């Protein structure tokens, strides 16, 4: 049986084979070496086998297939999951969440050019920066799709929020649902887990449309059809009861729990489901969403996801992809 080291080695050789020249193969090898040190300091200037300028050209200028790297990595991950399926009946958990890669400075190069409103002068253009402020945090905002099946934890896809006037994080999350591999969705029941950020009617309906089950956090001030808020159920209702939210045509199952915060404070959290789970089990499912939080901490502080400093949007995108590939290899 193939060991985990042999599997990782095979994937590395596959990725190196996608590079069009020996120079680019050595650059990819050097970058993966930096990421796989897993010290959170994968900066091109720290590389001893390649210059920082050579690695910068590899990321920002050279013509190699980023899509080919993504497809090869996904194919390898999916093959491993299917070869080592957990015994018995299980479910595919699809976790969606938003994370911010904090950034200071203007980052004018990380922007989309927009048509000028000043006239027809092509030299005068506006820019639409990707480094934005959202929920009080300034940086690059990623909506991540993370798969959990048995012992497997697989970062599958992500989208970058481009700011106001573009697709919202909820719309990006709905878009990511289409990228869940059908090889798995046809084989296992699917449970979609998401935070309060995605507790919208549009998101719940998008999950229901695919005949999947949604388990989503919901703010306590959300109104029900009877005019009351979810928070009022804490005193008068019971965990696991069916409720109808304003704007939602189908009933939802609701439960709640106390989340421990810093300084021994507690916060009342609500979670709803499109499937009639029991109140206790619904809380247990809702807590499993936190699996992606551990992934975010690992990928940022061990595999340098937040260390990007590239001069083009392509370089930024490639940096994010290679950081995720390094996480997969381990």
Protein backbone atom coordinates (compact mmCIF):
# COMPACT_ATOMS: atom_id res chain seq x y z
CA UNK A 1 0.00 0.00 0.00
CA UNK A 2 1.25 3.48 -0.84
CA UNK A 3 2.46 5.37 2.22
CA UNK A 4 1.55 8.99 2.86
CA UNK A 5 5.13 10.00 2.01
CA UNK A 6 5.01 8.18 -1.33
CA UNK A 7 1.65 9.81 -2.11
CA UNK A 8 3.03 13.28 -1.38
CA UNK A 9 6.18 12.56 -3.38
CA UNK A 10 4.09 11.40 -6.34
CA UNK A 11 2.05 14.62 -6.24
CA UNK A 12 5.22 16.75 -6.15
CA UNK A 13 6.64 14.96 -9.19
CA UNK A 14 3.34 15.47 -11.01
CA UNK A 15 3.39 19.21 -10.28
CA UNK A 16 7.03 19.53 -11.31
CA UNK A 17 6.20 17.78 -14.57
CA UNK A 18 3.68 20.52 -15.39
CA UNK A 19 6.41 23.16 -15.51
CA UNK A 20 7.46 24.01 -19.10
CA UNK A 21 11.20 24.43 -18.40
CA UNK A 22 13.92 23.14 -16.02
CA UNK A 23 14.33 26.65 -14.63
CA UNK A 24 10.65 26.85 -13.67
CA UNK A 25 10.76 23.34 -12.21
CA UNK A 26 13.62 24.35 -9.94
CA UNK A 27 11.75 27.53 -8.94
CA UNK A 28 8.65 25.54 -8.01
CA UNK A 29 10.79 23.10 -6.05
CA UNK A 30 12.43 25.99 -4.18
CA UNK A 31 9.07 27.58 -3.34
CA UNK A 32 7.57 24.32 -2.10
CA UNK A 33 10.67 23.88 0.04
CA UNK A 34 10.05 27.29 1.61
CA UNK A 35 6.37 26.54 2.30
CA UNK A 36 7.06 23.05 3.65
CA UNK A 37 9.42 24.38 6.30
CA UNK A 38 6.07 25.21 7.95
CA UNK A 39 7.50 28.04 10.03
CA UNK A 40 5.20 30.71 8.65
CA UNK A 41 8.13 32.59 7.09
CA UNK A 42 7.97 31.52 3.43
CA UNK A 43 9.44 34.71 2.02
CA UNK A 44 11.37 34.47 -1.30
CA UNK A 45 14.27 36.43 0.21
CA UNK A 46 14.83 33.53 2.64
CA UNK A 47 15.41 31.01 -0.16
CA UNK A 48 19.03 29.80 -0.45
CA UNK A 49 18.79 28.01 -3.80
CA UNK A 50 17.02 30.71 -5.84
CA UNK A 51 17.14 34.50 -5.79
CA UNK A 52 14.09 36.47 -4.67
CA UNK A 53 13.85 38.08 -8.12
CA UNK A 54 13.83 34.67 -9.84
CA UNK A 55 10.99 33.48 -7.60
CA UNK A 56 9.13 36.75 -8.17
CA UNK A 57 9.34 36.27 -11.94
CA UNK A 58 8.15 32.69 -11.55
CA UNK A 59 5.06 33.83 -9.66
CA UNK A 60 4.25 37.04 -11.50
CA UNK A 61 5.48 36.71 -15.07
CA UNK A 62 6.28 33.19 -16.28
CA UNK A 63 3.72 31.33 -18.38
CA UNK A 64 2.87 28.13 -16.53
CA UNK A 65 -0.55 26.65 -15.94
CA UNK A 66 -1.94 27.59 -12.53
CA UNK A 67 -5.17 25.79 -13.44
CA UNK A 68 -3.16 22.67 -14.28
CA UNK A 69 -1.58 22.72 -10.80
CA UNK A 70 -5.01 23.09 -9.16
CA UNK A 71 -6.53 20.27 -11.20
CA UNK A 72 -3.62 17.90 -10.58
CA UNK A 73 -3.77 18.57 -6.82
CA UNK A 74 -7.53 18.10 -6.68
CA UNK A 75 -7.31 14.89 -8.68
CA UNK A 76 -4.67 13.48 -6.34
CA UNK A 77 -6.65 14.45 -3.22
CA UNK A 78 -9.86 12.95 -4.59
CA UNK A 79 -8.12 9.70 -5.53
CA UNK A 80 -6.76 9.35 -2.02
CA UNK A 81 -10.15 10.02 -0.43
CA UNK A 82 -11.87 7.43 -2.63
CA UNK A 83 -9.15 4.84 -1.99
CA UNK A 84 -9.39 5.27 1.79
CA UNK A 85 -13.06 5.83 2.47
CA UNK A 86 -14.19 5.58 6.10
CA UNK A 87 -16.04 2.35 6.95
CA UNK A 88 -19.81 2.39 7.28
CA UNK A 89 -22.24 5.15 6.45
CA UNK A 90 -20.81 8.64 6.69
CA UNK A 91 -21.56 12.15 5.52
CA UNK A 92 -19.70 14.75 3.50
CA UNK A 93 -19.46 17.96 5.48
CA UNK A 94 -19.00 21.09 3.37
CA UNK A 95 -17.78 23.99 5.51
CA UNK A 96 -17.87 27.56 4.21
CA UNK A 97 -16.35 30.49 6.03
CA UNK A 98 -14.80 33.90 5.52
CA UNK A 99 -11.27 34.72 6.61
CA UNK A 100 -9.18 37.88 6.34
CA UNK A 101 -5.49 38.12 5.49
CA UNK A 102 -4.63 41.40 7.28
CA UNK A 103 -2.70 43.97 5.24
CA UNK A 104 -1.43 47.52 5.80
CA UNK A 105 -0.58 49.92 3.01
CA UNK A 106 -2.23 50.84 -0.28
CA UNK A 107 -1.38 47.78 -2.46
CA UNK A 108 -2.34 49.69 -5.59
CA UNK A 109 -1.03 46.86 -7.78
CA UNK A 110 -3.62 44.49 -6.30
CA UNK A 111 -6.51 46.18 -8.06
CA UNK A 112 -8.76 45.70 -11.04
CA UNK A 113 -8.69 48.48 -13.64
CA UNK A 114 -12.04 50.16 -14.21
CA UNK A 115 -13.18 52.42 -17.10
CA UNK A 116 -12.54 56.08 -16.43
CA UNK A 117 -15.49 58.34 -15.65
CA UNK A 118 -13.47 61.46 -16.46
CA UNK A 119 -13.58 60.98 -20.22
CA UNK A 120 -12.36 58.72 -22.96
CA UNK A 121 -8.68 59.19 -22.12
CA UNK A 122 -7.33 55.63 -21.88
CA UNK A 123 -4.43 56.87 -19.77
CA UNK A 124 -6.85 57.87 -17.01
CA UNK A 125 -8.21 54.80 -15.27
CA UNK A 126 -9.75 54.05 -11.93
CA UNK A 127 -8.71 51.08 -9.85
CA UNK A 128 -10.85 48.74 -7.81
CA UNK A 129 -8.56 47.47 -5.02
CA UNK A 130 -8.91 43.98 -3.61
CA UNK A 131 -7.52 44.99 -0.21
CA UNK A 132 -10.68 46.21 1.51
CA UNK A 133 -12.22 46.78 4.92
CA UNK A 134 -14.86 44.24 5.95
CA UNK A 135 -16.30 43.76 9.43
CA UNK A 136 -13.71 46.21 10.76
CA UNK A 137 -10.78 44.24 9.31
CA UNK A 138 -8.59 45.54 6.49
CA UNK A 139 -6.98 43.05 4.16
CA UNK A 140 -7.70 40.43 1.54
CA UNK A 141 -10.93 38.58 2.28
CA UNK A 142 -11.28 34.94 1.23
CA UNK A 143 -14.40 32.79 1.19
CA UNK A 144 -13.09 29.25 1.68
CA UNK A 145 -14.67 25.89 0.82
CA UNK A 146 -13.42 23.12 3.12
CA UNK A 147 -14.44 19.45 2.91
CA UNK A 148 -14.54 17.01 5.83
CA UNK A 149 -15.18 13.32 5.25
CA UNK A 150 -14.10 10.76 7.83
CA UNK A 151 -10.46 11.49 8.70
CA UNK A 152 -9.94 13.65 5.61
CA UNK A 153 -9.72 17.44 5.81
CA UNK A 154 -9.52 18.92 2.32
CA UNK A 155 -9.28 22.64 1.37
CA UNK A 156 -11.03 22.47 -1.99
CA UNK A 157 -11.59 25.98 -3.33
CA UNK A 158 -11.74 29.68 -2.49
CA UNK A 159 -12.98 33.00 -3.85
CA UNK A 160 -11.66 36.50 -3.20
CA UNK A 161 -14.14 39.18 -2.20
CA UNK A 162 -13.48 42.17 -4.49
CA UNK A 163 -15.39 44.73 -2.45
CA UNK A 164 -18.63 46.66 -2.61
CA UNK A 165 -20.27 46.57 -6.02
CA UNK A 166 -19.13 43.00 -6.67
CA UNK A 167 -20.47 39.64 -5.53
CA UNK A 168 -21.04 39.58 -1.77
CA UNK A 169 -19.46 36.89 0.47
CA UNK A 170 -22.83 35.09 0.53
CA UNK A 171 -23.05 35.13 -3.27
CA UNK A 172 -19.48 33.83 -3.49
CA UNK A 173 -20.39 31.04 -1.07
CA UNK A 174 -23.35 30.06 -3.28
CA UNK A 175 -20.97 30.03 -6.23
CA UNK A 176 -18.54 27.76 -4.37
CA UNK A 177 -21.28 25.19 -3.74
CA UNK A 178 -21.14 24.32 -7.44
CA UNK A 179 -17.46 23.34 -7.06
CA UNK A 180 -18.03 20.53 -4.57
CA UNK A 181 -16.92 17.35 -6.42
CA UNK A 182 -19.90 15.39 -7.72
CA UNK A 183 -17.97 12.16 -7.18
CA UNK A 184 -18.51 12.69 -3.45
CA UNK A 185 -21.94 14.34 -3.47
CA UNK A 186 -23.42 11.41 -5.41
CA UNK A 187 -22.02 8.94 -2.89
CA UNK A 188 -22.65 10.59 0.49
CA UNK A 189 -25.31 12.75 2.15
CA UNK A 190 -24.10 16.36 2.18
CA UNK A 191 -24.28 18.68 5.20
CA UNK A 192 -23.33 22.30 4.59
CA UNK A 193 -21.98 24.08 7.68
CA UNK A 194 -21.60 27.85 7.77
CA UNK A 195 -21.30 30.75 10.20
CA UNK A 196 -23.81 33.49 10.97
CA UNK A 197 -22.30 35.51 8.10
CA UNK A 198 -24.07 33.14 5.69
CA UNK A 199 -27.36 32.84 7.55
CA UNK A 200 -29.38 34.39 4.72
CA UNK A 201 -32.47 33.22 2.90
CA UNK A 202 -30.57 33.15 -0.38
CA UNK A 203 -27.88 30.85 1.00
CA UNK A 204 -30.35 28.46 2.64
CA UNK A 205 -32.37 28.25 -0.56
CA UNK A 206 -29.21 27.58 -2.60
CA UNK A 207 -28.41 24.61 -0.36
CA UNK A 208 -31.98 23.31 -0.46
CA UNK A 209 -32.02 23.59 -4.25
CA UNK A 210 -29.24 20.99 -4.35
CA UNK A 211 -31.19 18.80 -1.91
CA UNK A 212 -28.43 19.09 0.67
CA UNK A 213 -28.83 19.78 4.37
CA UNK A 214 -27.83 23.17 5.75
CA UNK A 215 -26.67 23.80 9.33
CA UNK A 216 -26.07 27.53 9.64
CA UNK A 217 -25.54 29.99 12.47
CA UNK A 218 -28.26 32.59 12.87
CA UNK A 219 -28.26 35.92 14.76
CA UNK A 220 -30.52 36.06 17.79
CA UNK A 221 -32.40 39.10 16.47
CA UNK A 222 -33.65 37.23 13.39
CA UNK A 223 -37.43 37.61 13.13
CA UNK A 224 -39.90 34.73 12.89
CA UNK A 225 -43.28 34.85 11.17
CA UNK A 226 -45.03 35.18 14.55
CA UNK A 227 -43.26 38.51 15.11
CA UNK A 228 -40.86 37.22 17.76
CA UNK A 229 -37.07 36.95 17.51
CA UNK A 230 -35.03 33.79 17.89
CA UNK A 231 -33.57 35.11 21.13
CA UNK A 232 -37.00 34.92 22.78
CA UNK A 233 -37.00 31.13 22.24
CA UNK A 234 -34.28 30.78 24.87
CA UNK A 235 -36.86 31.44 27.61
CA UNK A 236 -40.06 30.14 26.06
CA UNK A 237 -39.10 27.52 23.45
CA UNK A 238 -37.27 24.22 23.32
CA UNK A 239 -34.22 23.05 21.42
CA UNK A 240 -35.09 21.19 18.24
CA UNK A 241 -38.43 22.88 17.57
CA UNK A 242 -39.58 23.96 14.11
CA UNK A 243 -39.80 27.67 13.32
CA UNK A 244 -40.58 29.78 10.27
CA UNK A 245 -38.36 32.76 9.57
CA UNK A 246 -39.59 35.83 7.75
CA UNK A 247 -38.95 35.32 4.03
CA UNK A 248 -38.42 31.56 4.32
CA UNK A 249 -41.18 29.36 2.91
CA UNK A 250 -40.06 26.11 4.58
CA UNK A 251 -39.74 25.49 8.34
CA UNK A 252 -36.33 25.29 9.99
CA UNK A 253 -35.17 23.41 13.07
CA UNK A 254 -33.56 25.68 15.66
CA UNK A 255 -31.30 25.09 18.65
CA UNK A 256 -28.92 27.17 20.74
CA UNK A 257 -25.88 26.94 22.98
CA UNK A 258 -23.61 29.12 25.10
CA UNK A 259 -20.22 29.87 23.53
CA UNK A 260 -17.36 30.60 25.91
CA UNK A 261 -15.53 33.82 25.10
CA UNK A 262 -12.51 35.52 26.64
CA UNK A 263 -12.51 36.62 30.28
CA UNK A 264 -15.04 33.90 31.20
CA UNK A 265 -17.80 35.62 29.26
CA UNK A 266 -20.45 33.64 27.43
CA UNK A 267 -22.40 34.39 24.27
CA UNK A 268 -25.73 32.84 23.30
CA UNK A 269 -25.49 31.38 19.77
CA UNK A 270 -28.33 30.07 17.60
CA UNK A 271 -28.07 27.47 14.86
CA UNK A 272 -30.75 26.42 12.37
CA UNK A 273 -31.07 23.45 10.05
CA UNK A 274 -33.14 22.62 7.00
CA UNK A 275 -33.28 19.02 8.27
CA UNK A 276 -35.23 18.00 11.42
CA UNK A 277 -32.28 17.06 13.66
CA UNK A 278 -32.73 16.79 17.40
CA UNK A 279 -31.76 19.87 19.41
CA UNK A 280 -28.71 18.22 21.00
CA UNK A 281 -27.38 16.78 17.73
CA UNK A 282 -27.96 20.09 15.92
CA UNK A 283 -25.73 21.85 18.45
CA UNK A 284 -23.09 19.18 17.97
CA UNK A 285 -23.20 19.67 14.20
CA UNK A 286 -23.08 23.44 14.57
CA UNK A 287 -19.89 23.20 16.64
CA UNK A 288 -18.19 21.10 13.94
CA UNK A 289 -18.02 24.23 11.80
CA UNK A 290 -15.09 25.28 13.99
CA UNK A 291 -12.92 22.69 12.24
CA UNK A 292 -12.21 25.29 9.58
CA UNK A 293 -10.97 27.78 12.18
CA UNK A 294 -8.13 25.44 13.09
CA UNK A 295 -7.34 25.13 9.39
CA UNK A 296 -7.19 28.93 9.03
CA UNK A 297 -4.72 29.26 11.90
CA UNK A 298 -2.54 26.47 10.50
CA UNK A 299 -2.50 27.68 6.91
CA UNK A 300 -1.68 31.27 7.95
CA UNK A 301 0.90 30.71 10.66
CA UNK A 302 2.54 27.54 9.37
CA UNK A 303 2.17 27.71 5.58
CA UNK A 304 2.42 31.49 5.09
CA UNK A 305 -0.94 32.12 3.43
CA UNK A 306 -0.90 35.68 4.83
CA UNK A 307 2.69 36.43 3.74
CA UNK A 308 1.97 37.26 0.11
CA UNK A 309 3.79 40.31 -1.26
CA UNK A 310 3.42 39.84 -4.99
CA UNK A 311 3.32 42.64 -7.55
CA UNK A 312 0.45 41.29 -9.69
CA UNK A 313 -2.94 39.69 -9.17
CA UNK A 314 -1.61 36.54 -10.88
CA UNK A 315 1.31 36.38 -8.47
CA UNK A 316 -1.04 36.77 -5.51
CA UNK A 317 -3.33 34.03 -6.78
CA UNK A 318 -0.42 31.65 -7.38
CA UNK A 319 0.93 32.34 -3.89
CA UNK A 320 -2.41 31.41 -2.32
CA UNK A 321 -2.65 28.24 -4.43
CA UNK A 322 0.89 27.06 -3.60
CA UNK A 323 0.29 27.71 0.10
CA UNK A 324 -2.75 25.42 -0.03
CA UNK A 325 -0.79 22.81 -2.00
CA UNK A 326 1.87 22.79 0.74
CA UNK A 327 -0.84 22.19 3.34
CA UNK A 328 -2.17 19.27 1.27
CA UNK A 329 1.32 17.73 0.92
CA UNK A 330 1.69 17.46 4.67
